[in-house]
C-alpha atoms as a PDB file:
ATOM      1  CA  UNK A   1      18.927  20.100 -15.592  1.00  0.00           C
ATOM      2  CA  UNK A   2      16.736  17.587 -17.373  1.00  0.00           C
ATOM      3  CA  UNK A   3      16.119  14.091 -15.940  1.00  0.00           C
ATOM      4  CA  UNK A   4      15.250  11.012 -17.988  1.00  0.00           C
ATOM      5  CA  UNK A   5      15.125   7.290 -17.318  1.00  0.00           C
ATOM      6  CA  UNK A   6      17.643   4.869 -18.759  1.00  0.00           C
ATOM      7  CA  UNK A   7      14.856   3.360 -20.898  1.00  0.00           C
ATOM      8  CA  UNK A   8      14.014   6.781 -22.353  1.00  0.00           C
ATOM      9  CA  UNK A   9      17.717   7.332 -23.043  1.00  0.00           C
ATOM     10  CA  UNK A  10      17.973   4.047 -24.938  1.00  0.00           C
ATOM     11  CA  UNK A  11      14.896   4.788 -27.019  1.00  0.00           C
ATOM     12  CA  UNK A  12      15.819   8.421 -27.785  1.00  0.00           C
ATOM     13  CA  UNK A  13      19.613   8.439 -27.799  1.00  0.00           C
ATOM     14  CA  UNK A  14      20.018  10.849 -30.718  1.00  0.00           C
ATOM     15  CA  UNK A  15      17.640  13.376 -29.217  1.00  0.00           C
ATOM     16  CA  UNK A  16      19.384  13.006 -25.856  1.00  0.00           C
ATOM     17  CA  UNK A  17      22.756  13.840 -27.416  1.00  0.00           C
ATOM     18  CA  UNK A  18      21.249  16.972 -28.985  1.00  0.00           C
ATOM     19  CA  UNK A  19      19.675  18.010 -25.678  1.00  0.00           C
ATOM     20  CA  UNK A  20      22.960  17.443 -23.811  1.00  0.00           C
ATOM     21  CA  UNK A  21      24.546  20.155 -25.954  1.00  0.00           C
ATOM     22  CA  UNK A  22      22.143  22.669 -24.390  1.00  0.00           C
ATOM     23  CA  UNK A  23      21.705  21.393 -20.826  1.00  0.00           C
ATOM     24  CA  UNK A  24      22.935  18.739 -18.408  1.00  0.00           C
ATOM     25  CA  UNK A  25      20.928  15.527 -18.488  1.00  0.00           C
ATOM     26  CA  UNK A  26      20.562  13.305 -15.447  1.00  0.00           C
ATOM     27  CA  UNK A  27      19.951   9.618 -16.214  1.00  0.00           C
ATOM     28  CA  UNK A  28      18.066   7.515 -13.685  1.00  0.00           C
ATOM     29  CA  UNK A  29      17.580   3.799 -13.210  1.00  0.00           C
ATOM     30  CA  UNK A  30      15.078   2.538 -10.658  1.00  0.00           C
ATOM     31  CA  UNK A  31      14.716   6.109  -9.402  1.00  0.00           C
ATOM     32  CA  UNK A  32      18.427   6.603  -8.684  1.00  0.00           C
ATOM     33  CA  UNK A  33      20.731   8.888 -10.670  1.00  0.00           C
ATOM     34  CA  UNK A  34      23.257   6.635 -12.400  1.00  0.00           C
ATOM     35  CA  UNK A  35      24.879   8.988 -14.915  1.00  0.00           C
ATOM     36  CA  UNK A  36      25.078  12.567 -16.136  1.00  0.00           C
ATOM     37  CA  UNK A  37      25.413  13.659 -19.750  1.00  0.00           C
ATOM     38  CA  UNK A  38      26.718  17.085 -20.741  1.00  0.00           C
ATOM     39  CA  UNK A  39      28.564  18.866 -23.502  1.00  0.00           C
ATOM     40  CA  UNK A  40      32.371  18.718 -23.552  1.00  0.00           C
ATOM     41  CA  UNK A  41      32.485  22.470 -22.872  1.00  0.00           C
ATOM     42  CA  UNK A  42      30.450  22.128 -19.675  1.00  0.00           C
ATOM     43  CA  UNK A  43      32.634  19.242 -18.520  1.00  0.00           C
ATOM     44  CA  UNK A  44      35.815  21.218 -19.228  1.00  0.00           C
ATOM     45  CA  UNK A  45      34.472  24.225 -17.305  1.00  0.00           C
ATOM     46  CA  UNK A  46      33.734  21.912 -14.360  1.00  0.00           C
ATOM     47  CA  UNK A  47      37.211  20.360 -14.466  1.00  0.00           C
ATOM     48  CA  UNK A  48      38.845  23.784 -14.702  1.00  0.00           C
ATOM     49  CA  UNK A  49      36.844  24.959 -11.679  1.00  0.00           C
ATOM     50  CA  UNK A  50      37.787  21.921  -9.602  1.00  0.00           C
ATOM     51  CA  UNK A  51      41.472  22.289 -10.487  1.00  0.00           C
ATOM     52  CA  UNK A  52      41.410  26.016  -9.680  1.00  0.00           C
ATOM     53  CA  UNK A  53      39.846  25.251  -6.288  1.00  0.00           C
ATOM     54  CA  UNK A  54      42.535  22.655  -5.551  1.00  0.00           C
ATOM     55  CA  UNK A  55      45.265  25.169  -6.356  1.00  0.00           C
ATOM     56  CA  UNK A  56      43.603  27.740  -4.057  1.00  0.00           C
ATOM     57  CA  UNK A  57      43.462  25.248  -1.187  1.00  0.00           C
ATOM     58  CA  UNK A  58      47.141  24.344  -1.594  1.00  0.00           C
ATOM     59  CA  UNK A  59      48.102  28.032  -1.473  1.00  0.00           C
ATOM     60  CA  UNK A  60      46.410  28.534   1.909  1.00  0.00           C
END
């Protein structure tokens, strides 16, 4: 995971979008994580995993 500040994100938005296709980017503001940027495929994999876990828990 790569971490950048919100100021860096504003100044390098195009490069950040390109980087987010290869790895998750954590955005910080005043030292606190305020957002995450990732490719749609990574987000879909995460959602699928969460939903699968919820189904498993309901079956038990």
